[in-house]
Amino acid sequence: MLVTLDVKGMTCPLCVTVVNKALRKTDGVIKAKASLKTEQAIVTVPEDFNLDNLLKAVDETGYKGSINKIEKQA
């Protein structure tokens, strides 16, 4: 499934890199791409994934993450 996270506090390209790394090293994450312009991260995870793990990964970087939307993929 595709999860869109709102990420508050990113101010520069390095912020995006830190968030991307944190999300990508989270067990089960297939793909992750953060954007400074939208202040969001789009993350691809399996259907049975615990979304709290994504929020925890973002929070551990010092930024604040919240779930914006979840889309099931065909």
PDB file of N, CA and C in Angstrom:
ATOM      1  N   MET A   1       0.836  -1.190   0.000  1.00  0.00           N
ATOM      2  CA  MET A   1       0.000   0.000   0.000  1.00  0.00           C
ATOM      3  C   MET A   1       0.876   1.247   0.000  1.00  0.00           C
ATOM      4  N   LEU A   2       0.293   2.340  -0.398  1.00  0.00           N
ATOM      5  CA  LEU A   2       0.999   3.614  -0.496  1.00  0.00           C
ATOM      6  C   LEU A   2       0.556   4.505   0.663  1.00  0.00           C
ATOM      7  N   VAL A   3       1.527   4.941   1.476  1.00  0.00           N
ATOM      8  CA  VAL A   3       1.217   5.769   2.632  1.00  0.00           C
ATOM      9  C   VAL A   3       1.834   7.147   2.430  1.00  0.00           C
ATOM     10  N   THR A   4       1.027   8.192   2.569  1.00  0.00           N
ATOM     11  CA  THR A   4       1.527   9.562   2.496  1.00  0.00           C
ATOM     12  C   THR A   4       1.634  10.100   3.909  1.00  0.00           C
ATOM     13  N   LEU A   5       2.858  10.505   4.270  1.00  0.00           N
ATOM     14  CA  LEU A   5       3.094  11.084   5.592  1.00  0.00           C
ATOM     15  C   LEU A   5       3.333  12.570   5.456  1.00  0.00           C
ATOM     16  N   ASP A   6       2.743  13.355   6.333  1.00  0.00           N
ATOM     17  CA  ASP A   6       3.105  14.767   6.438  1.00  0.00           C
ATOM     18  C   ASP A   6       4.305  14.818   7.375  1.00  0.00           C
ATOM     19  N   VAL A   7       5.366  15.522   6.971  1.00  0.00           N
ATOM     20  CA  VAL A   7       6.567  15.610   7.800  1.00  0.00           C
ATOM     21  C   VAL A   7       6.840  17.087   8.090  1.00  0.00           C
ATOM     22  N   LYS A   8       6.684  17.463   9.347  1.00  0.00           N
ATOM     23  CA  LYS A   8       6.881  18.855   9.754  1.00  0.00           C
ATOM     24  C   LYS A   8       8.313  19.079  10.227  1.00  0.00           C
ATOM     25  N   GLY A   9       8.894  20.206   9.843  1.00  0.00           N
ATOM     26  CA  GLY A   9      10.212  20.576  10.342  1.00  0.00           C
ATOM     27  C   GLY A   9      11.336  20.463   9.331  1.00  0.00           C
ATOM     28  N   MET A  10      11.061  19.891   8.159  1.00  0.00           N
ATOM     29  CA  MET A  10      12.120  19.795   7.139  1.00  0.00           C
ATOM     30  C   MET A  10      12.347  21.182   6.533  1.00  0.00           C
ATOM     31  N   THR A  11      13.615  21.613   6.505  1.00  0.00           N
ATOM     32  CA  THR A  11      13.911  22.951   5.989  1.00  0.00           C
ATOM     33  C   THR A  11      14.965  22.964   4.888  1.00  0.00           C
ATOM     34  N   CYS A  12      15.617  21.826   4.645  1.00  0.00           N
ATOM     35  CA  CYS A  12      16.697  21.811   3.654  1.00  0.00           C
ATOM     36  C   CYS A  12      16.835  20.422   3.035  1.00  0.00           C
ATOM     37  N   PRO A  13      17.625  20.301   1.961  1.00  0.00           N
ATOM     38  CA  PRO A  13      17.808  18.992   1.319  1.00  0.00           C
ATOM     39  C   PRO A  13      18.381  17.927   2.263  1.00  0.00           C
ATOM     40  N   LEU A  14      19.203  18.331   3.213  1.00  0.00           N
ATOM     41  CA  LEU A  14      19.755  17.363   4.164  1.00  0.00           C
ATOM     42  C   LEU A  14      18.648  16.763   5.030  1.00  0.00           C
ATOM     43  N   CYS A  15      17.668  17.572   5.387  1.00  0.00           N
ATOM     44  CA  CYS A  15      16.519  17.085   6.158  1.00  0.00           C
ATOM     45  C   CYS A  15      15.837  15.941   5.396  1.00  0.00           C
ATOM     46  N   VAL A  16      15.637  16.140   4.106  1.00  0.00           N
ATOM     47  CA  VAL A  16      14.981  15.146   3.258  1.00  0.00           C
ATOM     48  C   VAL A  16      15.801  13.853   3.251  1.00  0.00           C
ATOM     49  N   THR A  17      17.121  13.986   3.130  1.00  0.00           N
ATOM     50  CA  THR A  17      18.012  12.826   3.124  1.00  0.00           C
ATOM     51  C   THR A  17      17.894  12.045   4.430  1.00  0.00           C
ATOM     52  N   VAL A  18      17.877  12.753   5.546  1.00  0.00           N
ATOM     53  CA  VAL A  18      17.775  12.113   6.867  1.00  0.00           C
ATOM     54  C   VAL A  18      16.454  11.349   6.993  1.00  0.00           C
ATOM     55  N   VAL A  19      15.367  11.970   6.574  1.00  0.00           N
ATOM     56  CA  VAL A  19      14.049  11.323   6.654  1.00  0.00           C
ATOM     57  C   VAL A  19      13.997  10.115   5.723  1.00  0.00           C
ATOM     58  N   ASN A  20      14.511  10.269   4.487  1.00  0.00           N
ATOM     59  CA  ASN A  20      14.543   9.142   3.544  1.00  0.00           C
ATOM     60  C   ASN A  20      15.302   7.962   4.127  1.00  0.00           C
ATOM     61  N   LYS A  21      16.483   8.222   4.678  1.00  0.00           N
ATOM     62  CA  LYS A  21      17.311   7.147   5.241  1.00  0.00           C
ATOM     63  C   LYS A  21      16.588   6.439   6.379  1.00  0.00           C
ATOM     64  N   ALA A  22      15.974   7.215   7.261  1.00  0.00           N
ATOM     65  CA  ALA A  22      15.277   6.632   8.409  1.00  0.00           C
ATOM     66  C   ALA A  22      14.121   5.736   7.958  1.00  0.00           C
ATOM     67  N   LEU A  23      13.357   6.213   6.984  1.00  0.00           N
ATOM     68  CA  LEU A  23      12.226   5.427   6.495  1.00  0.00           C
ATOM     69  C   LEU A  23      12.696   4.182   5.761  1.00  0.00           C
ATOM     70  N   ARG A  24      13.721   4.339   4.919  1.00  0.00           N
ATOM     71  CA  ARG A  24      14.199   3.211   4.105  1.00  0.00           C
ATOM     72  C   ARG A  24      14.823   2.108   4.939  1.00  0.00           C
ATOM     73  N   LYS A  25      15.390   2.454   6.098  1.00  0.00           N
ATOM     74  CA  LYS A  25      15.994   1.394   6.916  1.00  0.00           C
ATOM     75  C   LYS A  25      14.994   0.761   7.887  1.00  0.00           C
ATOM     76  N   THR A  26      13.749   1.212   7.840  1.00  0.00           N
ATOM     77  CA  THR A  26      12.686   0.612   8.659  1.00  0.00           C
ATOM     78  C   THR A  26      12.287  -0.728   8.040  1.00  0.00           C
ATOM     79  N   ASP A  27      12.297  -1.778   8.861  1.00  0.00           N
ATOM     80  CA  ASP A  27      11.962  -3.123   8.368  1.00  0.00           C
ATOM     81  C   ASP A  27      10.614  -3.137   7.672  1.00  0.00           C
ATOM     82  N   GLY A  28      10.581  -3.699   6.455  1.00  0.00           N
ATOM     83  CA  GLY A  28       9.336  -3.854   5.720  1.00  0.00           C
ATOM     84  C   GLY A  28       9.070  -2.764   4.697  1.00  0.00           C
ATOM     85  N   VAL A  29       9.764  -1.627   4.798  1.00  0.00           N
ATOM     86  CA  VAL A  29       9.540  -0.541   3.840  1.00  0.00           C
ATOM     87  C   VAL A  29      10.108  -0.952   2.483  1.00  0.00           C
ATOM     88  N   ILE A  30       9.292  -0.843   1.449  1.00  0.00           N
ATOM     89  CA  ILE A  30       9.703  -1.210   0.101  1.00  0.00           C
ATOM     90  C   ILE A  30      10.357  -0.012  -0.585  1.00  0.00           C
ATOM     91  N   LYS A  31       9.732   1.152  -0.431  1.00  0.00           N
ATOM     92  CA  LYS A  31      10.232   2.361  -1.084  1.00  0.00           C
ATOM     93  C   LYS A  31       9.819   3.566  -0.251  1.00  0.00           C
ATOM     94  N   ALA A  32      10.676   4.602  -0.232  1.00  0.00           N
ATOM     95  CA  ALA A  32      10.334   5.831   0.489  1.00  0.00           C
ATOM     96  C   ALA A  32      10.950   7.022  -0.220  1.00  0.00           C
ATOM     97  N   LYS A  33      10.162   8.095  -0.368  1.00  0.00           N
ATOM     98  CA  LYS A  33      10.670   9.311  -1.004  1.00  0.00           C
ATOM     99  C   LYS A  33      10.056  10.514  -0.315  1.00  0.00           C
ATOM    100  N   ALA A  34      10.906  11.289   0.349  1.00  0.00           N
ATOM    101  CA  ALA A  34      10.449  12.509   1.013  1.00  0.00           C
ATOM    102  C   ALA A  34      10.633  13.691   0.068  1.00  0.00           C
ATOM    103  N   SER A  35       9.821  14.720   0.255  1.00  0.00           N
ATOM    104  CA  SER A  35       9.887  15.921  -0.569  1.00  0.00           C
ATOM    105  C   SER A  35       9.865  17.161   0.313  1.00  0.00           C
ATOM    106  N   LEU A  36      10.841  18.029   0.101  1.00  0.00           N
ATOM    107  CA  LEU A  36      10.919  19.282   0.842  1.00  0.00           C
ATOM    108  C   LEU A  36       9.780  20.215   0.412  1.00  0.00           C
ATOM    109  N   LYS A  37       9.490  20.220  -0.879  1.00  0.00           N
ATOM    110  CA  LYS A  37       8.474  21.126  -1.417  1.00  0.00           C
ATOM    111  C   LYS A  37       7.089  20.852  -0.836  1.00  0.00           C
ATOM    112  N   THR A  38       6.728  19.567  -0.737  1.00  0.00           N
ATOM    113  CA  THR A  38       5.395  19.222  -0.238  1.00  0.00           C
ATOM    114  C   THR A  38       5.387  18.959   1.268  1.00  0.00           C
ATOM    115  N   GLU A  39       6.573  18.862   1.869  1.00  0.00           N
ATOM    116  CA  GLU A  39       6.720  18.486   3.282  1.00  0.00           C
ATOM    117  C   GLU A  39       6.011  17.163   3.559  1.00  0.00           C
ATOM    118  N   GLN A  40       6.194  16.221   2.618  1.00  0.00           N
ATOM    119  CA  GLN A  40       5.581  14.909   2.751  1.00  0.00           C
ATOM    120  C   GLN A  40       6.582  13.827   2.369  1.00  0.00           C
ATOM    121  N   ALA A  41       6.267  12.620   2.772  1.00  0.00           N
ATOM    122  CA  ALA A  41       7.016  11.442   2.338  1.00  0.00           C
ATOM    123  C   ALA A  41       6.000  10.431   1.829  1.00  0.00           C
ATOM    124  N   ILE A  42       6.291   9.838   0.677  1.00  0.00           N
ATOM    125  CA  ILE A  42       5.457   8.789   0.107  1.00  0.00           C
ATOM    126  C   ILE A  42       6.190   7.475   0.358  1.00  0.00           C
ATOM    127  N   VAL A  43       5.526   6.556   1.043  1.00  0.00           N
ATOM    128  CA  VAL A  43       6.168   5.309   1.443  1.00  0.00           C
ATOM    129  C   VAL A  43       5.342   4.120   0.947  1.00  0.00           C
ATOM    130  N   THR A  44       6.027   3.155   0.334  1.00  0.00           N
ATOM    131  CA  THR A  44       5.376   1.927  -0.116  1.00  0.00           C
ATOM    132  C   THR A  44       5.694   0.828   0.892  1.00  0.00           C
ATOM    133  N   VAL A  45       4.634   0.218   1.433  1.00  0.00           N
ATOM    134  CA  VAL A  45       4.785  -0.832   2.444  1.00  0.00           C
ATOM    135  C   VAL A  45       3.799  -1.970   2.150  1.00  0.00           C
ATOM    136  N   PRO A  46       4.047  -3.168   2.716  1.00  0.00           N
ATOM    137  CA  PRO A  46       3.082  -4.274   2.540  1.00  0.00           C
ATOM    138  C   PRO A  46       1.758  -3.962   3.240  1.00  0.00           C
ATOM    139  N   GLU A  47       0.700  -4.669   2.838  1.00  0.00           N
ATOM    140  CA  GLU A  47      -0.649  -4.458   3.395  1.00  0.00           C
ATOM    141  C   GLU A  47      -0.708  -4.565   4.922  1.00  0.00           C
ATOM    142  N   ASP A  48       0.023  -5.529   5.489  1.00  0.00           N
ATOM    143  CA  ASP A  48      -0.081  -5.801   6.928  1.00  0.00           C
ATOM    144  C   ASP A  48       0.949  -5.026   7.755  1.00  0.00           C
ATOM    145  N   PHE A  49       1.495  -3.965   7.187  1.00  0.00           N
ATOM    146  CA  PHE A  49       2.563  -3.197   7.834  1.00  0.00           C
ATOM    147  C   PHE A  49       2.022  -2.376   9.010  1.00  0.00           C
ATOM    148  N   ASN A  50       2.789  -2.310  10.097  1.00  0.00           N
ATOM    149  CA  ASN A  50       2.412  -1.495  11.259  1.00  0.00           C
ATOM    150  C   ASN A  50       2.843  -0.042  10.997  1.00  0.00           C
ATOM    151  N   LEU A  51       1.887   0.831  10.741  1.00  0.00           N
ATOM    152  CA  LEU A  51       2.191   2.214  10.364  1.00  0.00           C
ATOM    153  C   LEU A  51       2.858   3.002  11.487  1.00  0.00           C
ATOM    154  N   ASP A  52       2.699   2.554  12.726  1.00  0.00           N
ATOM    155  CA  ASP A  52       3.375   3.225  13.842  1.00  0.00           C
ATOM    156  C   ASP A  52       4.894   3.212  13.658  1.00  0.00           C
ATOM    157  N   ASN A  53       5.393   2.173  12.967  1.00  0.00           N
ATOM    158  CA  ASN A  53       6.842   2.087  12.726  1.00  0.00           C
ATOM    159  C   ASN A  53       7.338   3.241  11.847  1.00  0.00           C
ATOM    160  N   LEU A  54       6.502   3.682  10.906  1.00  0.00           N
ATOM    161  CA  LEU A  54       6.885   4.816  10.047  1.00  0.00           C
ATOM    162  C   LEU A  54       6.946   6.101  10.870  1.00  0.00           C
ATOM    163  N   LEU A  55       5.922   6.298  11.700  1.00  0.00           N
ATOM    164  CA  LEU A  55       5.872   7.511  12.522  1.00  0.00           C
ATOM    165  C   LEU A  55       7.039   7.537  13.502  1.00  0.00           C
ATOM    166  N   LYS A  56       7.363   6.368  14.063  1.00  0.00           N
ATOM    167  CA  LYS A  56       8.468   6.281  15.008  1.00  0.00           C
ATOM    168  C   LYS A  56       9.798   6.614  14.306  1.00  0.00           C
ATOM    169  N   ALA A  57       9.975   6.114  13.090  1.00  0.00           N
ATOM    170  CA  ALA A  57      11.204   6.371  12.338  1.00  0.00           C
ATOM    171  C   ALA A  57      11.370   7.866  12.075  1.00  0.00           C
ATOM    172  N   VAL A  58      10.286   8.538  11.693  1.00  0.00           N
ATOM    173  CA  VAL A  58      10.338   9.980  11.442  1.00  0.00           C
ATOM    174  C   VAL A  58      10.598  10.735  12.744  1.00  0.00           C
ATOM    175  N   ASP A  59       9.886  10.374  13.795  1.00  0.00           N
ATOM    176  CA  ASP A  59      10.045  11.056  15.086  1.00  0.00           C
ATOM    177  C   ASP A  59      11.479  10.951  15.614  1.00  0.00           C
ATOM    178  N   GLU A  60      12.119   9.795  15.366  1.00  0.00           N
ATOM    179  CA  GLU A  60      13.488   9.595  15.839  1.00  0.00           C
ATOM    180  C   GLU A  60      14.495  10.496  15.120  1.00  0.00           C
ATOM    181  N   THR A  61      14.120  11.041  13.961  1.00  0.00           N
ATOM    182  CA  THR A  61      15.009  11.958  13.249  1.00  0.00           C
ATOM    183  C   THR A  61      14.874  13.383  13.791  1.00  0.00           C
ATOM    184  N   GLY A  62      13.875  13.608  14.647  1.00  0.00           N
ATOM    185  CA  GLY A  62      13.667  14.948  15.192  1.00  0.00           C
ATOM    186  C   GLY A  62      12.576  15.724  14.476  1.00  0.00           C
ATOM    187  N   TYR A  63      11.981  15.121  13.450  1.00  0.00           N
ATOM    188  CA  TYR A  63      10.875  15.753  12.728  1.00  0.00           C
ATOM    189  C   TYR A  63       9.582  15.125  13.216  1.00  0.00           C
ATOM    190  N   LYS A  64       8.468  15.744  12.880  1.00  0.00           N
ATOM    191  CA  LYS A  64       7.171  15.246  13.339  1.00  0.00           C
ATOM    192  C   LYS A  64       6.405  14.683  12.150  1.00  0.00           C
ATOM    193  N   GLY A  65       6.096  13.400  12.234  1.00  0.00           N
ATOM    194  CA  GLY A  65       5.368  12.752  11.144  1.00  0.00           C
ATOM    195  C   GLY A  65       3.936  12.462  11.528  1.00  0.00           C
ATOM    196  N   SER A  66       3.048  12.581  10.548  1.00  0.00           N
ATOM    197  CA  SER A  66       1.649  12.176  10.745  1.00  0.00           C
ATOM    198  C   SER A  66       1.130  11.595   9.447  1.00  0.00           C
ATOM    199  N   ILE A  67       0.171  10.677   9.569  1.00  0.00           N
ATOM    200  CA  ILE A  67      -0.361  10.008   8.375  1.00  0.00           C
ATOM    201  C   ILE A  67      -1.383  10.916   7.708  1.00  0.00           C
ATOM    202  N   ASN A  68      -1.163  11.172   6.427  1.00  0.00           N
ATOM    203  CA  ASN A  68      -2.064  12.010   5.645  1.00  0.00           C
ATOM    204  C   ASN A  68      -3.110  11.138   4.968  1.00  0.00           C
ATOM    205  N   LYS A  69      -2.627  10.104   4.229  1.00  0.00           N
ATOM    206  CA  LYS A  69      -3.578   9.189   3.590  1.00  0.00           C
ATOM    207  C   LYS A  69      -2.930   7.844   3.317  1.00  0.00           C
ATOM    208  N   ILE A  70      -3.800   6.851   3.158  1.00  0.00           N
ATOM    209  CA  ILE A  70      -3.370   5.485   2.880  1.00  0.00           C
ATOM    210  C   ILE A  70      -4.146   5.011   1.659  1.00  0.00           C
ATOM    211  N   GLU A  71      -3.411   4.510   0.659  1.00  0.00           N
ATOM    212  CA  GLU A  71      -4.047   4.013  -0.554  1.00  0.00           C
ATOM    213  C   GLU A  71      -3.671   2.552  -0.756  1.00  0.00           C
ATOM    214  N   LYS A  72      -4.673   1.739  -1.000  1.00  0.00           N
ATOM    215  CA  LYS A  72      -4.413   0.335  -1.330  1.00  0.00           C
ATOM    216  C   LYS A  72      -3.998   0.292  -2.796  1.00  0.00           C
ATOM    217  N   GLN A  73      -2.981  -0.514  -3.080  1.00  0.00           N
ATOM    218  CA  GLN A  73      -2.554  -0.652  -4.469  1.00  0.00           C
ATOM    219  C   GLN A  73      -3.164  -1.890  -5.090  1.00  0.00           C
ATOM    220  N   ALA A  74      -3.458  -1.797  -6.374  1.00  0.00           N
ATOM    221  CA  ALA A  74      -4.106  -2.915  -7.075  1.00  0.00           C
ATOM    222  C   ALA A  74      -3.162  -4.089  -7.223  1.00  0.00           C
TER     223      ALA A  74
END
